[in-house]
């Protein structure tokens, strides 16, 4: 799969810490644990994964044209 962005900067909704994370090409990530505060987050209602809710790039499954 070419042209996909496979990294995203996640911003913790609890403390505002920003972390660069790799995204899987074929799956959504439902939980995110912040390295700074230890908080665990899950997607906002209507989003498929934490990258879509808290990242600066949508997850690869959503980047893939249908």
PDB file of N, CA and C in Angstrom:
ATOM      1  N   UNK A   1       0.857  -1.179   0.000  1.00  0.00           N
ATOM      2  CA  UNK A   1       0.000   0.000   0.000  1.00  0.00           C
ATOM      3  C   UNK A   1       0.901   1.239   0.000  1.00  0.00           C
ATOM      4  N   UNK A   2       0.897   1.963  -1.051  1.00  0.00           N
ATOM      5  CA  UNK A   2       1.760   3.139  -1.117  1.00  0.00           C
ATOM      6  C   UNK A   2       0.950   4.401  -0.857  1.00  0.00           C
ATOM      7  N   UNK A   3       1.642   5.430  -0.425  1.00  0.00           N
ATOM      8  CA  UNK A   3       1.000   6.704  -0.194  1.00  0.00           C
ATOM      9  C   UNK A   3       0.302   6.843   1.145  1.00  0.00           C
ATOM     10  N   UNK A   4       0.371   5.818   1.970  1.00  0.00           N
ATOM     11  CA  UNK A   4      -0.265   5.902   3.281  1.00  0.00           C
ATOM     12  C   UNK A   4       0.677   6.546   4.285  1.00  0.00           C
ATOM     13  N   UNK A   5       0.123   7.374   5.139  1.00  0.00           N
ATOM     14  CA  UNK A   5       0.892   7.921   6.252  1.00  0.00           C
ATOM     15  C   UNK A   5       0.799   6.900   7.373  1.00  0.00           C
ATOM     16  N   UNK A   6       1.951   6.391   7.825  1.00  0.00           N
ATOM     17  CA  UNK A   6       1.962   5.317   8.814  1.00  0.00           C
ATOM     18  C   UNK A   6       2.418   5.760  10.193  1.00  0.00           C
ATOM     19  N   UNK A   7       2.576   7.061  10.390  1.00  0.00           N
ATOM     20  CA  UNK A   7       2.866   7.596  11.718  1.00  0.00           C
ATOM     21  C   UNK A   7       1.884   8.723  12.007  1.00  0.00           C
ATOM     22  N   UNK A   8       1.629   8.933  13.272  1.00  0.00           N
ATOM     23  CA  UNK A   8       0.733   9.999  13.693  1.00  0.00           C
ATOM     24  C   UNK A   8       1.198  10.496  15.050  1.00  0.00           C
ATOM     25  N   UNK A   9       1.040  11.782  15.288  1.00  0.00           N
ATOM     26  CA  UNK A   9       1.343  12.338  16.594  1.00  0.00           C
ATOM     27  C   UNK A   9       0.056  12.355  17.404  1.00  0.00           C
ATOM     28  N   UNK A  10       0.031  11.532  18.454  1.00  0.00           N
ATOM     29  CA  UNK A  10      -1.125  11.471  19.336  1.00  0.00           C
ATOM     30  C   UNK A  10      -0.972  12.503  20.443  1.00  0.00           C
ATOM     31  N   UNK A  11      -2.052  13.196  20.749  1.00  0.00           N
ATOM     32  CA  UNK A  11      -2.077  14.155  21.852  1.00  0.00           C
ATOM     33  C   UNK A  11      -2.971  13.598  22.940  1.00  0.00           C
ATOM     34  N   UNK A  12      -2.405  13.396  24.117  1.00  0.00           N
ATOM     35  CA  UNK A  12      -3.161  12.836  25.234  1.00  0.00           C
ATOM     36  C   UNK A  12      -4.278  13.810  25.642  1.00  0.00           C
ATOM     37  N   UNK A  13      -5.518  13.323  25.711  1.00  0.00           N
ATOM     38  CA  UNK A  13      -6.619  14.201  26.107  1.00  0.00           C
ATOM     39  C   UNK A  13      -6.584  14.568  27.595  1.00  0.00           C
ATOM     40  N   UNK A  14      -5.815  13.831  28.382  1.00  0.00           N
ATOM     41  CA  UNK A  14      -5.737  14.097  29.818  1.00  0.00           C
ATOM     42  C   UNK A  14      -4.672  15.129  30.171  1.00  0.00           C
ATOM     43  N   UNK A  15      -3.456  14.984  29.601  1.00  0.00           N
ATOM     44  CA  UNK A  15      -2.359  15.869  30.006  1.00  0.00           C
ATOM     45  C   UNK A  15      -1.788  16.715  28.872  1.00  0.00           C
ATOM     46  N   UNK A  16      -2.175  16.437  27.619  1.00  0.00           N
ATOM     47  CA  UNK A  16      -1.686  17.219  26.490  1.00  0.00           C
ATOM     48  C   UNK A  16      -0.338  16.775  25.956  1.00  0.00           C
ATOM     49  N   UNK A  17       0.249  15.710  26.524  1.00  0.00           N
ATOM     50  CA  UNK A  17       1.519  15.191  26.025  1.00  0.00           C
ATOM     51  C   UNK A  17       1.351  14.718  24.587  1.00  0.00           C
ATOM     52  N   UNK A  18       2.379  14.929  23.776  1.00  0.00           N
ATOM     53  CA  UNK A  18       2.343  14.518  22.370  1.00  0.00           C
ATOM     54  C   UNK A  18       3.378  13.427  22.139  1.00  0.00           C
ATOM     55  N   UNK A  19       2.974  12.356  21.444  1.00  0.00           N
ATOM     56  CA  UNK A  19       3.849  11.220  21.162  1.00  0.00           C
ATOM     57  C   UNK A  19       3.690  10.799  19.709  1.00  0.00           C
ATOM     58  N   UNK A  20       4.823  10.601  19.025  1.00  0.00           N
ATOM     59  CA  UNK A  20       4.806  10.084  17.664  1.00  0.00           C
ATOM     60  C   UNK A  20       4.656   8.571  17.741  1.00  0.00           C
ATOM     61  N   UNK A  21       3.647   8.035  17.071  1.00  0.00           N
ATOM     62  CA  UNK A  21       3.372   6.600  17.123  1.00  0.00           C
ATOM     63  C   UNK A  21       3.225   6.032  15.718  1.00  0.00           C
ATOM     64  N   UNK A  22       3.627   4.774  15.563  1.00  0.00           N
ATOM     65  CA  UNK A  22       3.399   4.045  14.315  1.00  0.00           C
ATOM     66  C   UNK A  22       1.964   3.535  14.309  1.00  0.00           C
ATOM     67  N   UNK A  23       1.355   3.539  13.114  1.00  0.00           N
ATOM     68  CA  UNK A  23      -0.006   3.027  12.970  1.00  0.00           C
ATOM     69  C   UNK A  23       0.031   1.737  12.168  1.00  0.00           C
ATOM     70  N   UNK A  24      -0.733   0.726  12.583  1.00  0.00           N
ATOM     71  CA  UNK A  24      -0.809  -0.490  11.774  1.00  0.00           C
ATOM     72  C   UNK A  24      -1.555  -0.205  10.473  1.00  0.00           C
ATOM     73  N   UNK A  25      -1.137  -0.873   9.399  1.00  0.00           N
ATOM     74  CA  UNK A  25      -1.764  -0.636   8.087  1.00  0.00           C
ATOM     75  C   UNK A  25      -3.151  -1.260   7.962  1.00  0.00           C
ATOM     76  N   UNK A  26      -3.409  -2.308   8.730  1.00  0.00           N
ATOM     77  CA  UNK A  26      -4.618  -3.091   8.498  1.00  0.00           C
ATOM     78  C   UNK A  26      -5.524  -3.231   9.721  1.00  0.00           C
ATOM     79  N   UNK A  27      -5.356  -2.347  10.706  1.00  0.00           N
ATOM     80  CA  UNK A  27      -6.181  -2.460  11.912  1.00  0.00           C
ATOM     81  C   UNK A  27      -6.345  -1.100  12.569  1.00  0.00           C
ATOM     82  N   UNK A  28      -7.389  -0.999  13.367  1.00  0.00           N
ATOM     83  CA  UNK A  28      -7.606   0.202  14.163  1.00  0.00           C
ATOM     84  C   UNK A  28      -7.128  -0.062  15.590  1.00  0.00           C
ATOM     85  N   UNK A  29      -6.600   0.956  16.244  1.00  0.00           N
ATOM     86  CA  UNK A  29      -6.107   0.832  17.612  1.00  0.00           C
ATOM     87  C   UNK A  29      -7.145   1.447  18.539  1.00  0.00           C
ATOM     88  N   UNK A  30      -7.703   0.618  19.415  1.00  0.00           N
ATOM     89  CA  UNK A  30      -8.819   1.068  20.238  1.00  0.00           C
ATOM     90  C   UNK A  30      -8.380   1.721  21.543  1.00  0.00           C
ATOM     91  N   UNK A  31      -7.238   1.315  22.104  1.00  0.00           N
ATOM     92  CA  UNK A  31      -6.762   1.897  23.361  1.00  0.00           C
ATOM     93  C   UNK A  31      -5.419   2.579  23.164  1.00  0.00           C
ATOM     94  N   UNK A  32      -5.201   3.653  23.910  1.00  0.00           N
ATOM     95  CA  UNK A  32      -3.947   4.402  23.891  1.00  0.00           C
ATOM     96  C   UNK A  32      -3.561   4.687  25.334  1.00  0.00           C
ATOM     97  N   UNK A  33      -2.338   4.313  25.700  1.00  0.00           N
ATOM     98  CA  UNK A  33      -1.834   4.586  27.054  1.00  0.00           C
ATOM     99  C   UNK A  33      -0.744   5.635  26.945  1.00  0.00           C
ATOM    100  N   UNK A  34      -0.948   6.769  27.595  1.00  0.00           N
ATOM    101  CA  UNK A  34       0.001   7.878  27.554  1.00  0.00           C
ATOM    102  C   UNK A  34       1.250   7.530  28.360  1.00  0.00           C
ATOM    103  N   UNK A  35       2.407   7.753  27.757  1.00  0.00           N
ATOM    104  CA  UNK A  35       3.666   7.490  28.436  1.00  0.00           C
ATOM    105  C   UNK A  35       3.952   8.519  29.532  1.00  0.00           C
ATOM    106  N   UNK A  36       3.389   9.709  29.433  1.00  0.00           N
ATOM    107  CA  UNK A  36       3.661  10.769  30.409  1.00  0.00           C
ATOM    108  C   UNK A  36       2.818  10.634  31.677  1.00  0.00           C
ATOM    109  N   UNK A  37       1.499  10.494  31.524  1.00  0.00           N
ATOM    110  CA  UNK A  37       0.625  10.487  32.705  1.00  0.00           C
ATOM    111  C   UNK A  37       0.073   9.104  33.042  1.00  0.00           C
ATOM    112  N   UNK A  38       0.210   8.146  32.115  1.00  0.00           N
ATOM    113  CA  UNK A  38      -0.288   6.796  32.364  1.00  0.00           C
ATOM    114  C   UNK A  38      -1.767   6.624  32.104  1.00  0.00           C
ATOM    115  N   UNK A  39      -2.439   7.681  31.671  1.00  0.00           N
ATOM    116  CA  UNK A  39      -3.870   7.586  31.384  1.00  0.00           C
ATOM    117  C   UNK A  39      -4.145   6.724  30.169  1.00  0.00           C
ATOM    118  N   UNK A  40      -5.269   6.038  30.186  1.00  0.00           N
ATOM    119  CA  UNK A  40      -5.681   5.209  29.053  1.00  0.00           C
ATOM    120  C   UNK A  40      -6.901   5.845  28.406  1.00  0.00           C
ATOM    121  N   UNK A  41      -6.843   6.022  27.097  1.00  0.00           N
ATOM    122  CA  UNK A  41      -7.943   6.640  26.353  1.00  0.00           C
ATOM    123  C   UNK A  41      -8.464   5.671  25.316  1.00  0.00           C
ATOM    124  N   UNK A  42      -9.713   5.861  24.939  1.00  0.00           N
ATOM    125  CA  UNK A  42     -10.301   5.124  23.833  1.00  0.00           C
ATOM    126  C   UNK A  42     -10.940   6.127  22.890  1.00  0.00           C
ATOM    127  N   UNK A  43     -11.324   5.697  21.690  1.00  0.00           N
ATOM    128  CA  UNK A  43     -11.836   6.643  20.695  1.00  0.00           C
ATOM    129  C   UNK A  43     -13.066   7.417  21.164  1.00  0.00           C
ATOM    130  N   UNK A  44     -13.210   8.615  20.636  1.00  0.00           N
ATOM    131  CA  UNK A  44     -14.410   9.406  20.878  1.00  0.00           C
ATOM    132  C   UNK A  44     -15.575   8.767  20.130  1.00  0.00           C
ATOM    133  N   UNK A  45     -16.812   9.000  20.563  1.00  0.00           N
ATOM    134  CA  UNK A  45     -17.963   8.444  19.845  1.00  0.00           C
ATOM    135  C   UNK A  45     -17.926   8.822  18.363  1.00  0.00           C
ATOM    136  N   UNK A  46     -18.118   7.826  17.516  1.00  0.00           N
ATOM    137  CA  UNK A  46     -18.123   8.042  16.070  1.00  0.00           C
ATOM    138  C   UNK A  46     -16.784   7.814  15.400  1.00  0.00           C
ATOM    139  N   UNK A  47     -15.704   7.718  16.178  1.00  0.00           N
ATOM    140  CA  UNK A  47     -14.370   7.451  15.616  1.00  0.00           C
ATOM    141  C   UNK A  47     -14.053   5.972  15.765  1.00  0.00           C
ATOM    142  N   UNK A  48     -13.275   5.441  14.799  1.00  0.00           N
ATOM    143  CA  UNK A  48     -12.959   4.013  14.832  1.00  0.00           C
ATOM    144  C   UNK A  48     -11.756   3.690  15.703  1.00  0.00           C
ATOM    145  N   UNK A  49     -10.886   4.684  15.957  1.00  0.00           N
ATOM    146  CA  UNK A  49      -9.674   4.376  16.719  1.00  0.00           C
ATOM    147  C   UNK A  49      -9.107   5.643  17.365  1.00  0.00           C
ATOM    148  N   UNK A  50      -8.098   5.447  18.205  1.00  0.00           N
ATOM    149  CA  UNK A  50      -7.494   6.578  18.914  1.00  0.00           C
ATOM    150  C   UNK A  50      -6.755   7.517  17.967  1.00  0.00           C
ATOM    151  N   UNK A  51      -6.248   7.015  16.848  1.00  0.00           N
ATOM    152  CA  UNK A  51      -5.571   7.891  15.892  1.00  0.00           C
ATOM    153  C   UNK A  51      -6.560   8.871  15.260  1.00  0.00           C
ATOM    154  N   UNK A  52      -7.766   8.400  14.988  1.00  0.00           N
ATOM    155  CA  UNK A  52      -8.790   9.285  14.412  1.00  0.00           C
ATOM    156  C   UNK A  52      -9.275  10.314  15.433  1.00  0.00           C
ATOM    157  N   UNK A  53      -9.246   9.972  16.719  1.00  0.00           N
ATOM    158  CA  UNK A  53      -9.706  10.891  17.756  1.00  0.00           C
ATOM    159  C   UNK A  53      -8.632  11.851  18.233  1.00  0.00           C
ATOM    160  N   UNK A  54      -7.405  11.364  18.413  1.00  0.00           N
ATOM    161  CA  UNK A  54      -6.374  12.160  19.076  1.00  0.00           C
ATOM    162  C   UNK A  54      -5.109  12.364  18.244  1.00  0.00           C
ATOM    163  N   UNK A  55      -5.074  11.838  17.030  1.00  0.00           N
ATOM    164  CA  UNK A  55      -3.884  11.945  16.190  1.00  0.00           C
ATOM    165  C   UNK A  55      -3.981  13.054  15.167  1.00  0.00           C
ATOM    166  N   UNK A  56      -2.845  13.351  14.553  1.00  0.00           N
ATOM    167  CA  UNK A  56      -2.823  14.366  13.497  1.00  0.00           C
ATOM    168  C   UNK A  56      -2.995  13.751  12.114  1.00  0.00           C
ATOM    169  N   UNK A  57      -3.244  12.430  12.062  1.00  0.00           N
ATOM    170  CA  UNK A  57      -3.522  11.739  10.801  1.00  0.00           C
ATOM    171  C   UNK A  57      -4.539  10.634  11.058  1.00  0.00           C
ATOM    172  N   UNK A  58      -5.434  10.422  10.122  1.00  0.00           N
ATOM    173  CA  UNK A  58      -6.405   9.339  10.234  1.00  0.00           C
ATOM    174  C   UNK A  58      -5.683   8.005  10.098  1.00  0.00           C
ATOM    175  N   UNK A  59      -6.278   6.968  10.643  1.00  0.00           N
ATOM    176  CA  UNK A  59      -5.676   5.635  10.563  1.00  0.00           C
ATOM    177  C   UNK A  59      -5.636   5.167   9.111  1.00  0.00           C
ATOM    178  N   UNK A  60      -4.683   4.286   8.771  1.00  0.00           N
ATOM    179  CA  UNK A  60      -4.547   3.807   7.398  1.00  0.00           C
ATOM    180  C   UNK A  60      -5.815   3.188   6.799  1.00  0.00           C
ATOM    181  N   UNK A  61      -6.627   2.420   7.560  1.00  0.00           N
ATOM    182  CA  UNK A  61      -7.855   1.908   6.936  1.00  0.00           C
ATOM    183  C   UNK A  61      -8.770   3.030   6.409  1.00  0.00           C
ATOM    184  N   UNK A  62      -8.785   4.189   7.071  1.00  0.00           N
ATOM    185  CA  UNK A  62      -9.598   5.309   6.593  1.00  0.00           C
ATOM    186  C   UNK A  62      -8.905   6.084   5.485  1.00  0.00           C
ATOM    187  N   UNK A  63      -7.582   5.984   5.388  1.00  0.00           N
ATOM    188  CA  UNK A  63      -6.842   6.661   4.329  1.00  0.00           C
ATOM    189  C   UNK A  63      -6.970   5.937   3.000  1.00  0.00           C
ATOM    190  N   UNK A  64      -7.322   4.654   3.033  1.00  0.00           N
ATOM    191  CA  UNK A  64      -7.414   3.847   1.839  1.00  0.00           C
ATOM    192  C   UNK A  64      -8.688   4.161   1.086  1.00  0.00           C
ATOM    193  N   UNK A  65      -8.569   4.589  -0.175  1.00  0.00           N
ATOM    194  CA  UNK A  65      -9.784   4.887  -0.950  1.00  0.00           C
ATOM    195  C   UNK A  65     -10.589   3.620  -1.210  1.00  0.00           C
ATOM    196  N   UNK A  66     -11.902   3.765  -1.182  1.00  0.00           N
ATOM    197  CA  UNK A  66     -12.774   2.607  -1.416  1.00  0.00           C
ATOM    198  C   UNK A  66     -13.083   2.444  -2.860  1.00  0.00           C
TER     199      UNK A  66
END
